[in-house]
Amino acid sequence: EREFVAAIRQLGGNRYYSDSVKGRFTISRDNNE
C-alpha cells in the first residue's frame, strides 16, 4: 500500500515524518520556485 513519508505545512511551517525515515530524510519547500 502507499504509505506516508513526510509533510510540511503551508508557507514553511511544521514538518512531519514517518518513523521509518525520521533522521534520514528532510522535507523542505521553496515557495518562490
Full PDB file with SEQRES, HELIX, SHEET, SSBOND, CRYST1, ORIGX, SCALE, CONECT and MASTER records, all heavy atoms in Angstrom:
SEQRES   1 A   33  GLU ARG GLU PHE VAL ALA ALA ILE ARG GLN LEU GLY GLY          
SEQRES   2 A   33  ASN ARG TYR TYR SER ASP SER VAL LYS GLY ARG PHE THR          
SEQRES   3 A   33  ILE SER ARG ASP ASN ASN GLU                                  
SHEET    1 AA1 2 ALA A   6  ILE A   8  0                                        
SHEET    2 AA1 2 ARG A  15  TYR A  17 -1                                        
CRYST1    1.000    1.000    1.000  90.00  90.00  90.00 P 1           1          
ORIGX1      1.000000  0.000000  0.000000        0.00000                         
ORIGX2      0.000000  1.000000  0.000000        0.00000                         
ORIGX3      0.000000  0.000000  1.000000        0.00000                         
SCALE1      1.000000  0.000000  0.000000        0.00000                         
SCALE2      0.000000  1.000000  0.000000        0.00000                         
SCALE3      0.000000  0.000000  1.000000        0.00000                         
ATOM      1  N   GLU A   1       0.830  -1.193   0.000  1.00  0.00           N  
ATOM      2  CA  GLU A   1       0.000   0.000   0.000  1.00  0.00           C  
ATOM      3  C   GLU A   1       0.869   1.249   0.000  1.00  0.00           C  
ATOM      4  O   GLU A   1       2.008   1.238   0.468  1.00  0.00           O  
ATOM      5  CB  GLU A   1      -0.917   0.008   1.222  1.00  0.00           C  
ATOM      6  CG  GLU A   1      -1.902  -1.143   1.282  1.00  0.00           C  
ATOM      7  CD  GLU A   1      -2.931  -1.071   0.184  1.00  0.00           C  
ATOM      8  OE1 GLU A   1      -3.356   0.046  -0.172  1.00  0.00           O  
ATOM      9  OE2 GLU A   1      -3.319  -2.129  -0.327  1.00  0.00           O  
ATOM     10  N   ARG A   2       0.307   2.319  -0.516  1.00  0.00           N  
ATOM     11  CA  ARG A   2       1.012   3.591  -0.476  1.00  0.00           C  
ATOM     12  C   ARG A   2       1.094   4.073   0.972  1.00  0.00           C  
ATOM     13  O   ARG A   2       0.116   3.995   1.717  1.00  0.00           O  
ATOM     14  CB  ARG A   2       0.292   4.617  -1.346  1.00  0.00           C  
ATOM     15  CG  ARG A   2       1.037   5.927  -1.497  1.00  0.00           C  
ATOM     16  CD  ARG A   2       0.665   6.636  -2.788  1.00  0.00           C  
ATOM     17  NE  ARG A   2      -0.762   6.832  -2.928  1.00  0.00           N  
ATOM     18  CZ  ARG A   2      -1.339   7.311  -4.020  1.00  0.00           C  
ATOM     19  NH1 ARG A   2      -0.592   7.620  -5.083  1.00  0.00           N  
ATOM     20  NH2 ARG A   2      -2.646   7.467  -4.068  1.00  0.00           N  
ATOM     21  N   GLU A   3       2.260   4.568   1.368  1.00  0.00           N  
ATOM     22  CA  GLU A   3       2.466   4.969   2.743  1.00  0.00           C  
ATOM     23  C   GLU A   3       3.015   6.384   2.836  1.00  0.00           C  
ATOM     24  O   GLU A   3       3.699   6.872   1.934  1.00  0.00           O  
ATOM     25  CB  GLU A   3       3.416   4.000   3.454  1.00  0.00           C  
ATOM     26  CG  GLU A   3       4.828   3.992   2.900  1.00  0.00           C  
ATOM     27  CD  GLU A   3       5.750   3.068   3.673  1.00  0.00           C  
ATOM     28  OE1 GLU A   3       5.312   2.468   4.675  1.00  0.00           O  
ATOM     29  OE2 GLU A   3       6.928   2.943   3.270  1.00  0.00           O  
ATOM     30  N   PHE A   4       2.740   7.004   3.956  1.00  0.00           N  
ATOM     31  CA  PHE A   4       3.187   8.353   4.224  1.00  0.00           C  
ATOM     32  C   PHE A   4       4.685   8.391   4.464  1.00  0.00           C  
ATOM     33  O   PHE A   4       5.241   7.507   5.119  1.00  0.00           O  
ATOM     34  CB  PHE A   4       2.442   8.895   5.443  1.00  0.00           C  
ATOM     35  CG  PHE A   4       2.961  10.200   5.957  1.00  0.00           C  
ATOM     36  CD1 PHE A   4       2.698  11.382   5.285  1.00  0.00           C  
ATOM     37  CD2 PHE A   4       3.707  10.253   7.119  1.00  0.00           C  
ATOM     38  CE1 PHE A   4       3.168  12.601   5.757  1.00  0.00           C  
ATOM     39  CE2 PHE A   4       4.181  11.454   7.613  1.00  0.00           C  
ATOM     40  CZ  PHE A   4       3.910  12.630   6.922  1.00  0.00           C  
ATOM     41  N   VAL A   5       5.339   9.436   3.962  1.00  0.00           N  
ATOM     42  CA  VAL A   5       6.765   9.629   4.175  1.00  0.00           C  
ATOM     43  C   VAL A   5       7.025  10.896   4.985  1.00  0.00           C  
ATOM     44  O   VAL A   5       7.652  10.851   6.044  1.00  0.00           O  
ATOM     45  CB  VAL A   5       7.531   9.708   2.845  1.00  0.00           C  
ATOM     46  CG1 VAL A   5       9.010  10.004   3.096  1.00  0.00           C  
ATOM     47  CG2 VAL A   5       7.364   8.408   2.064  1.00  0.00           C  
ATOM     48  N   ALA A   6       6.544  12.035   4.488  1.00  0.00           N  
ATOM     49  CA  ALA A   6       6.805  13.311   5.142  1.00  0.00           C  
ATOM     50  C   ALA A   6       5.830  14.359   4.642  1.00  0.00           C  
ATOM     51  O   ALA A   6       5.251  14.220   3.565  1.00  0.00           O  
ATOM     52  CB  ALA A   6       8.247  13.771   4.883  1.00  0.00           C  
ATOM     53  N   ALA A   7       5.658  15.423   5.415  1.00  0.00           N  
ATOM     54  CA  ALA A   7       4.798  16.532   5.020  1.00  0.00           C  
ATOM     55  C   ALA A   7       5.316  17.825   5.631  1.00  0.00           C  
ATOM     56  O   ALA A   7       6.033  17.810   6.643  1.00  0.00           O  
ATOM     57  CB  ALA A   7       3.352  16.294   5.444  1.00  0.00           C  
ATOM     58  N   ILE A   8       4.933  18.940   5.024  1.00  0.00           N  
ATOM     59  CA  ILE A   8       5.309  20.257   5.527  1.00  0.00           C  
ATOM     60  C   ILE A   8       4.121  21.193   5.373  1.00  0.00           C  
ATOM     61  O   ILE A   8       3.426  21.172   4.360  1.00  0.00           O  
ATOM     62  CB  ILE A   8       6.564  20.796   4.803  1.00  0.00           C  
ATOM     63  CG1 ILE A   8       7.025  22.122   5.418  1.00  0.00           C  
ATOM     64  CG2 ILE A   8       6.324  20.924   3.309  1.00  0.00           C  
ATOM     65  CD1 ILE A   8       8.405  22.561   4.926  1.00  0.00           C  
ATOM     66  N   ARG A   9       3.905  22.017   6.380  1.00  0.00           N  
ATOM     67  CA  ARG A   9       2.784  22.935   6.376  1.00  0.00           C  
ATOM     68  C   ARG A   9       2.953  24.059   5.358  1.00  0.00           C  
ATOM     69  O   ARG A   9       4.044  24.264   4.823  1.00  0.00           O  
ATOM     70  CB  ARG A   9       2.598  23.558   7.754  1.00  0.00           C  
ATOM     71  CG  ARG A   9       2.065  22.605   8.813  1.00  0.00           C  
ATOM     72  CD  ARG A   9       0.621  22.293   8.556  1.00  0.00           C  
ATOM     73  NE  ARG A   9       0.045  21.493   9.628  1.00  0.00           N  
ATOM     74  CZ  ARG A   9      -1.119  20.893   9.552  1.00  0.00           C  
ATOM     75  NH1 ARG A   9      -1.864  21.011   8.451  1.00  0.00           N  
ATOM     76  NH2 ARG A   9      -1.560  20.179  10.578  1.00  0.00           N  
ATOM     77  N   GLN A  10       1.864  24.762   5.123  1.00  0.00           N  
ATOM     78  CA  GLN A  10       1.891  25.912   4.228  1.00  0.00           C  
ATOM     79  C   GLN A  10       2.923  26.933   4.694  1.00  0.00           C  
ATOM     80  O   GLN A  10       3.258  27.015   5.878  1.00  0.00           O  
ATOM     81  CB  GLN A  10       0.495  26.551   4.140  1.00  0.00           C  
ATOM     82  CG  GLN A  10      -0.070  26.998   5.488  1.00  0.00           C  
ATOM     83  CD  GLN A  10      -0.871  25.911   6.169  1.00  0.00           C  
ATOM     84  OE1 GLN A  10      -0.685  24.728   5.887  1.00  0.00           O  
ATOM     85  NE2 GLN A  10      -1.756  26.295   7.070  1.00  0.00           N  
ATOM     86  N   LEU A  11       3.413  27.699   3.732  1.00  0.00           N  
ATOM     87  CA  LEU A  11       4.490  28.675   3.938  1.00  0.00           C  
ATOM     88  C   LEU A  11       5.797  27.945   4.230  1.00  0.00           C  
ATOM     89  O   LEU A  11       6.543  27.619   3.320  1.00  0.00           O  
ATOM     90  CB  LEU A  11       4.136  29.667   5.039  1.00  0.00           C  
ATOM     91  CG  LEU A  11       2.915  30.544   4.758  1.00  0.00           C  
ATOM     92  CD1 LEU A  11       2.628  31.444   5.955  1.00  0.00           C  
ATOM     93  CD2 LEU A  11       3.127  31.389   3.515  1.00  0.00           C  
ATOM     94  N   GLY A  12       6.076  27.707   5.470  1.00  0.00           N  
ATOM     95  CA  GLY A  12       7.262  26.966   5.868  1.00  0.00           C  
ATOM     96  C   GLY A  12       7.104  26.457   7.276  1.00  0.00           C  
ATOM     97  O   GLY A  12       8.026  26.543   8.095  1.00  0.00           O  
ATOM     98  N   GLY A  13       5.914  25.938   7.545  1.00  0.00           N  
ATOM     99  CA  GLY A  13       5.528  25.554   8.880  1.00  0.00           C  
ATOM    100  C   GLY A  13       6.080  24.220   9.335  1.00  0.00           C  
ATOM    101  O   GLY A  13       7.146  23.772   8.903  1.00  0.00           O  
ATOM    102  N   ASN A  14       5.331  23.576  10.212  1.00  0.00           N  
ATOM    103  CA  ASN A  14       5.760  22.334  10.832  1.00  0.00           C  
ATOM    104  C   ASN A  14       6.064  21.249   9.815  1.00  0.00           C  
ATOM    105  O   ASN A  14       5.435  21.165   8.759  1.00  0.00           O  
ATOM    106  CB  ASN A  14       4.695  21.828  11.800  1.00  0.00           C  
ATOM    107  CG  ASN A  14       4.507  22.744  12.994  1.00  0.00           C  
ATOM    108  OD1 ASN A  14       5.377  23.545  13.324  1.00  0.00           O  
ATOM    109  ND2 ASN A  14       3.359  22.613  13.648  1.00  0.00           N  
ATOM    110  N   ARG A  15       7.024  20.405  10.172  1.00  0.00           N  
ATOM    111  CA  ARG A  15       7.392  19.259   9.362  1.00  0.00           C  
ATOM    112  C   ARG A  15       7.035  17.979  10.100  1.00  0.00           C  
ATOM    113  O   ARG A  15       7.135  17.902  11.323  1.00  0.00           O  
ATOM    114  CB  ARG A  15       8.885  19.278   9.047  1.00  0.00           C  
ATOM    115  CG  ARG A  15       9.339  20.504   8.290  1.00  0.00           C  
ATOM    116  CD  ARG A  15      10.837  20.527   8.145  1.00  0.00           C  
ATOM    117  NE  ARG A  15      11.298  21.733   7.469  1.00  0.00           N  
ATOM    118  CZ  ARG A  15      12.563  22.004   7.198  1.00  0.00           C  
ATOM    119  NH1 ARG A  15      13.514  21.130   7.543  1.00  0.00           N  
ATOM    120  NH2 ARG A  15      12.886  23.128   6.590  1.00  0.00           N  
ATOM    121  N   TYR A  16       6.643  16.972   9.337  1.00  0.00           N  
ATOM    122  CA  TYR A  16       6.239  15.694   9.902  1.00  0.00           C  
ATOM    123  C   TYR A  16       6.900  14.568   9.120  1.00  0.00           C  
ATOM    124  O   TYR A  16       7.022  14.641   7.898  1.00  0.00           O  
ATOM    125  CB  TYR A  16       4.714  15.530   9.837  1.00  0.00           C  
ATOM    126  CG  TYR A  16       3.948  16.690  10.426  1.00  0.00           C  
ATOM    127  CD1 TYR A  16       3.595  17.773   9.642  1.00  0.00           C  
ATOM    128  CD2 TYR A  16       3.576  16.694  11.768  1.00  0.00           C  
ATOM    129  CE1 TYR A  16       2.895  18.845  10.177  1.00  0.00           C  
ATOM    130  CE2 TYR A  16       2.877  17.756  12.311  1.00  0.00           C  
ATOM    131  CZ  TYR A  16       2.538  18.827  11.513  1.00  0.00           C  
ATOM    132  OH  TYR A  16       1.843  19.886  12.042  1.00  0.00           O  
ATOM    133  N   TYR A  17       7.293  13.501   9.830  1.00  0.00           N  
ATOM    134  CA  TYR A  17       7.971  12.381   9.203  1.00  0.00           C  
ATOM    135  C   TYR A  17       7.438  11.062   9.745  1.00  0.00           C  
ATOM    136  O   TYR A  17       7.071  10.961  10.911  1.00  0.00           O  
ATOM    137  CB  TYR A  17       9.473  12.424   9.465  1.00  0.00           C  
ATOM    138  CG  TYR A  17      10.165  13.641   8.924  1.00  0.00           C  
ATOM    139  CD1 TYR A  17      10.367  14.766   9.726  1.00  0.00           C  
ATOM    140  CD2 TYR A  17      10.625  13.680   7.616  1.00  0.00           C  
ATOM    141  CE1 TYR A  17      11.005  15.886   9.226  1.00  0.00           C  
ATOM    142  CE2 TYR A  17      11.268  14.800   7.115  1.00  0.00           C  
ATOM    143  CZ  TYR A  17      11.453  15.901   7.925  1.00  0.00           C  
ATOM    144  OH  TYR A  17      12.091  17.012   7.433  1.00  0.00           O  
ATOM    145  N   SER A  18       7.446  10.057   8.886  1.00  0.00           N  
ATOM    146  CA  SER A  18       7.165   8.717   9.356  1.00  0.00           C  
ATOM    147  C   SER A  18       8.353   8.220  10.169  1.00  0.00           C  
ATOM    148  O   SER A  18       9.493   8.672   9.989  1.00  0.00           O  
ATOM    149  CB  SER A  18       6.890   7.771   8.187  1.00  0.00           C  
ATOM    150  OG  SER A  18       8.065   7.564   7.427  1.00  0.00           O  
ATOM    151  N   ASP A  19       8.102   7.274  11.053  1.00  0.00           N  
ATOM    152  CA  ASP A  19       9.177   6.749  11.887  1.00  0.00           C  
ATOM    153  C   ASP A  19      10.279   6.090  11.060  1.00  0.00           C  
ATOM    154  O   ASP A  19      11.451   6.116  11.449  1.00  0.00           O  
ATOM    155  CB  ASP A  19       8.622   5.739  12.888  1.00  0.00           C  
ATOM    156  CG  ASP A  19       7.764   6.389  13.957  1.00  0.00           C  
ATOM    157  OD1 ASP A  19       7.911   7.599  14.195  1.00  0.00           O  
ATOM    158  OD2 ASP A  19       6.950   5.674  14.571  1.00  0.00           O  
ATOM    159  N   SER A  20       9.927   5.523   9.932  1.00  0.00           N  
ATOM    160  CA  SER A  20      10.895   4.795   9.133  1.00  0.00           C  
ATOM    161  C   SER A  20      11.924   5.697   8.449  1.00  0.00           C  
ATOM    162  O   SER A  20      12.989   5.221   8.054  1.00  0.00           O  
ATOM    163  CB  SER A  20      10.183   3.945   8.075  1.00  0.00           C  
ATOM    164  OG  SER A  20       9.464   4.756   7.175  1.00  0.00           O  
ATOM    165  N   VAL A  21      11.622   6.989   8.303  1.00  0.00           N  
ATOM    166  CA  VAL A  21      12.540   7.899   7.618  1.00  0.00           C  
ATOM    167  C   VAL A  21      13.061   9.010   8.510  1.00  0.00           C  
ATOM    168  O   VAL A  21      13.989   9.727   8.110  1.00  0.00           O  
ATOM    169  CB  VAL A  21      11.899   8.513   6.361  1.00  0.00           C  
ATOM    170  CG1 VAL A  21      11.332   7.430   5.464  1.00  0.00           C  
ATOM    171  CG2 VAL A  21      10.822   9.527   6.731  1.00  0.00           C  
ATOM    172  N   LYS A  22      12.502   9.168   9.677  1.00  0.00           N  
ATOM    173  CA  LYS A  22      12.908  10.246  10.576  1.00  0.00           C  
ATOM    174  C   LYS A  22      14.398  10.146  10.887  1.00  0.00           C  
ATOM    175  O   LYS A  22      14.907   9.083  11.229  1.00  0.00           O  
ATOM    176  CB  LYS A  22      12.088  10.193  11.858  1.00  0.00           C  
ATOM    177  CG  LYS A  22      12.288  11.390  12.781  1.00  0.00           C  
ATOM    178  CD  LYS A  22      11.343  11.326  13.971  1.00  0.00           C  
ATOM    179  CE  LYS A  22       9.891  11.401  13.531  1.00  0.00           C  
ATOM    180  NZ  LYS A  22       8.956  11.406  14.690  1.00  0.00           N  
ATOM    181  N   GLY A  23      15.082  11.277  10.754  1.00  0.00           N  
ATOM    182  CA  GLY A  23      16.517  11.310  10.983  1.00  0.00           C  
ATOM    183  C   GLY A  23      17.337  11.081   9.736  1.00  0.00           C  
ATOM    184  O   GLY A  23      18.544  11.351   9.739  1.00  0.00           O  
ATOM    185  N   ARG A  24      16.719  10.588   8.673  1.00  0.00           N  
ATOM    186  CA  ARG A  24      17.415  10.337   7.414  1.00  0.00           C  
ATOM    187  C   ARG A  24      16.920  11.228   6.282  1.00  0.00           C  
ATOM    188  O   ARG A  24      17.697  11.618   5.415  1.00  0.00           O  
ATOM    189  CB  ARG A  24      17.258   8.880   6.994  1.00  0.00           C  
ATOM    190  CG  ARG A  24      17.862   7.884   7.977  1.00  0.00           C  
ATOM    191  CD  ARG A  24      17.829   6.466   7.407  1.00  0.00           C  
ATOM    192  NE  ARG A  24      16.467   6.001   7.162  1.00  0.00           N  
ATOM    193  CZ  ARG A  24      15.995   5.643   5.970  1.00  0.00           C  
ATOM    194  NH1 ARG A  24      16.783   5.698   4.903  1.00  0.00           N  
ATOM    195  NH2 ARG A  24      14.742   5.219   5.847  1.00  0.00           N  
ATOM    196  N   PHE A  25      15.627  11.522   6.268  1.00  0.00           N  
ATOM    197  CA  PHE A  25      15.023  12.335   5.212  1.00  0.00           C  
ATOM    198  C   PHE A  25      14.695  13.723   5.746  1.00  0.00           C  
ATOM    199  O   PHE A  25      14.353  13.885   6.921  1.00  0.00           O  
ATOM    200  CB  PHE A  25      13.731  11.703   4.704  1.00  0.00           C  
ATOM    201  CG  PHE A  25      13.904  10.416   3.947  1.00  0.00           C  
ATOM    202  CD1 PHE A  25      15.116   9.744   3.892  1.00  0.00           C  
ATOM    203  CD2 PHE A  25      12.812   9.873   3.279  1.00  0.00           C  
ATOM    204  CE1 PHE A  25      15.257   8.557   3.195  1.00  0.00           C  
ATOM    205  CE2 PHE A  25      12.943   8.685   2.577  1.00  0.00           C  
ATOM    206  CZ  PHE A  25      14.151   8.029   2.531  1.00  0.00           C  
ATOM    207  N   THR A  26      14.756  14.715   4.862  1.00  0.00           N  
ATOM    208  CA  THR A  26      14.395  16.076   5.207  1.00  0.00           C  
ATOM    209  C   THR A  26      13.482  16.648   4.138  1.00  0.00           C  
ATOM    210  O   THR A  26      13.830  16.657   2.955  1.00  0.00           O  
ATOM    211  CB  THR A  26      15.632  16.976   5.341  1.00  0.00           C  
ATOM    212  OG1 THR A  26      16.505  16.447   6.347  1.00  0.00           O  
ATOM    213  CG2 THR A  26      15.215  18.389   5.746  1.00  0.00           C  
ATOM    214  N   ILE A  27      12.307  17.117   4.549  1.00  0.00           N  
ATOM    215  CA  ILE A  27      11.386  17.752   3.621  1.00  0.00           C  
ATOM    216  C   ILE A  27      11.554  19.264   3.714  1.00  0.00           C  
ATOM    217  O   ILE A  27      11.744  19.816   4.800  1.00  0.00           O  
ATOM    218  CB  ILE A  27       9.927  17.335   3.906  1.00  0.00           C  
ATOM    219  CG1 ILE A  27       8.997  17.853   2.806  1.00  0.00           C  
ATOM    220  CG2 ILE A  27       9.468  17.798   5.282  1.00  0.00           C  
ATOM    221  CD1 ILE A  27       7.584  17.280   2.892  1.00  0.00           C  
ATOM    222  N   SER A  28      11.500  19.930   2.580  1.00  0.00           N  
ATOM    223  CA  SER A  28      11.617  21.379   2.539  1.00  0.00           C  
ATOM    224  C   SER A  28      10.858  21.912   1.335  1.00  0.00           C  
ATOM    225  O   SER A  28      10.427  21.151   0.467  1.00  0.00           O  
ATOM    226  CB  SER A  28      13.090  21.811   2.490  1.00  0.00           C  
ATOM    227  OG  SER A  28      13.716  21.338   1.312  1.00  0.00           O  
ATOM    228  N   ARG A  29      10.699  23.224   1.290  1.00  0.00           N  
ATOM    229  CA  ARG A  29       9.997  23.834   0.170  1.00  0.00           C  
ATOM    230  C   ARG A  29      10.599  25.185  -0.155  1.00  0.00           C  
ATOM    231  O   ARG A  29      11.122  25.886   0.721  1.00  0.00           O  
ATOM    232  CB  ARG A  29       8.498  23.981   0.483  1.00  0.00           C  
ATOM    233  CG  ARG A  29       8.190  24.942   1.632  1.00  0.00           C  
ATOM    234  CD  ARG A  29       6.746  24.806   2.096  1.00  0.00           C  
ATOM    235  NE  ARG A  29       5.800  25.140   1.042  1.00  0.00           N  
ATOM    236  CZ  ARG A  29       4.498  24.865   1.087  1.00  0.00           C  
ATOM    237  NH1 ARG A  29       3.998  24.222   2.148  1.00  0.00           N  
ATOM    238  NH2 ARG A  29       3.711  25.207   0.083  1.00  0.00           N  
ATOM    239  N   ASP A  30      10.512  25.550  -1.417  1.00  0.00           N  
ATOM    240  CA  ASP A  30      10.916  26.861  -1.897  1.00  0.00           C  
ATOM    241  C   ASP A  30       9.680  27.479  -2.535  1.00  0.00           C  
ATOM    242  O   ASP A  30       9.337  27.159  -3.669  1.00  0.00           O  
ATOM    243  CB  ASP A  30      12.058  26.755  -2.899  1.00  0.00           C  
ATOM    244  CG  ASP A  30      12.597  28.116  -3.309  1.00  0.00           C  
ATOM    245  OD1 ASP A  30      11.858  29.106  -3.256  1.00  0.00           O  
ATOM    246  OD2 ASP A  30      13.782  28.186  -3.689  1.00  0.00           O  
ATOM    247  N   ASN A  31       9.015  28.340  -1.803  1.00  0.00           N  
ATOM    248  CA  ASN A  31       7.762  28.905  -2.287  1.00  0.00           C  
ATOM    249  C   ASN A  31       7.953  29.839  -3.477  1.00  0.00           C  
ATOM    250  O   ASN A  31       7.063  29.973  -4.311  1.00  0.00           O  
ATOM    251  CB  ASN A  31       7.043  29.627  -1.151  1.00  0.00           C  
ATOM    252  CG  ASN A  31       6.560  28.682  -0.074  1.00  0.00           C  
ATOM    253  OD1 ASN A  31       6.100  27.574  -0.366  1.00  0.00           O  
ATOM    254  ND2 ASN A  31       6.655  29.102   1.181  1.00  0.00           N  
ATOM    255  N   ASN A  32       9.103  30.492  -3.552  1.00  0.00           N  
ATOM    256  CA  ASN A  32       9.375  31.365  -4.690  1.00  0.00           C  
ATOM    257  C   ASN A  32       9.513  30.570  -5.987  1.00  0.00           C  
ATOM    258  O   ASN A  32       9.185  31.073  -7.060  1.00  0.00           O  
ATOM    259  CB  ASN A  32      10.635  32.189  -4.449  1.00  0.00           C  
ATOM    260  CG  ASN A  32      10.454  33.224  -3.364  1.00  0.00           C  
ATOM    261  OD1 ASN A  32       9.355  33.734  -3.147  1.00  0.00           O  
ATOM    262  ND2 ASN A  32      11.539  33.546  -2.672  1.00  0.00           N  
ATOM    263  N   GLU A  33      10.004  29.343  -5.884  1.00  0.00           N  
ATOM    264  CA  GLU A  33      10.182  28.482  -7.050  1.00  0.00           C  
ATOM    265  C   GLU A  33       9.061  27.459  -7.197  1.00  0.00           C  
ATOM    266  O   GLU A  33       9.100  26.654  -8.127  1.00  0.00           O  
ATOM    267  CB  GLU A  33      11.523  27.759  -6.971  1.00  0.00           C  
ATOM    268  CG  GLU A  33      12.730  28.681  -6.977  1.00  0.00           C  
ATOM    269  CD  GLU A  33      12.865  29.426  -8.287  1.00  0.00           C  
ATOM    270  OE1 GLU A  33      12.453  28.879  -9.334  1.00  0.00           O  
ATOM    271  OE2 GLU A  33      13.370  30.565  -8.274  1.00  0.00           O  
TER     272      GLU A  33                                                      
MASTER        0    0    0    0    2    0    0    6  271    1    0    3          
END                                                                             
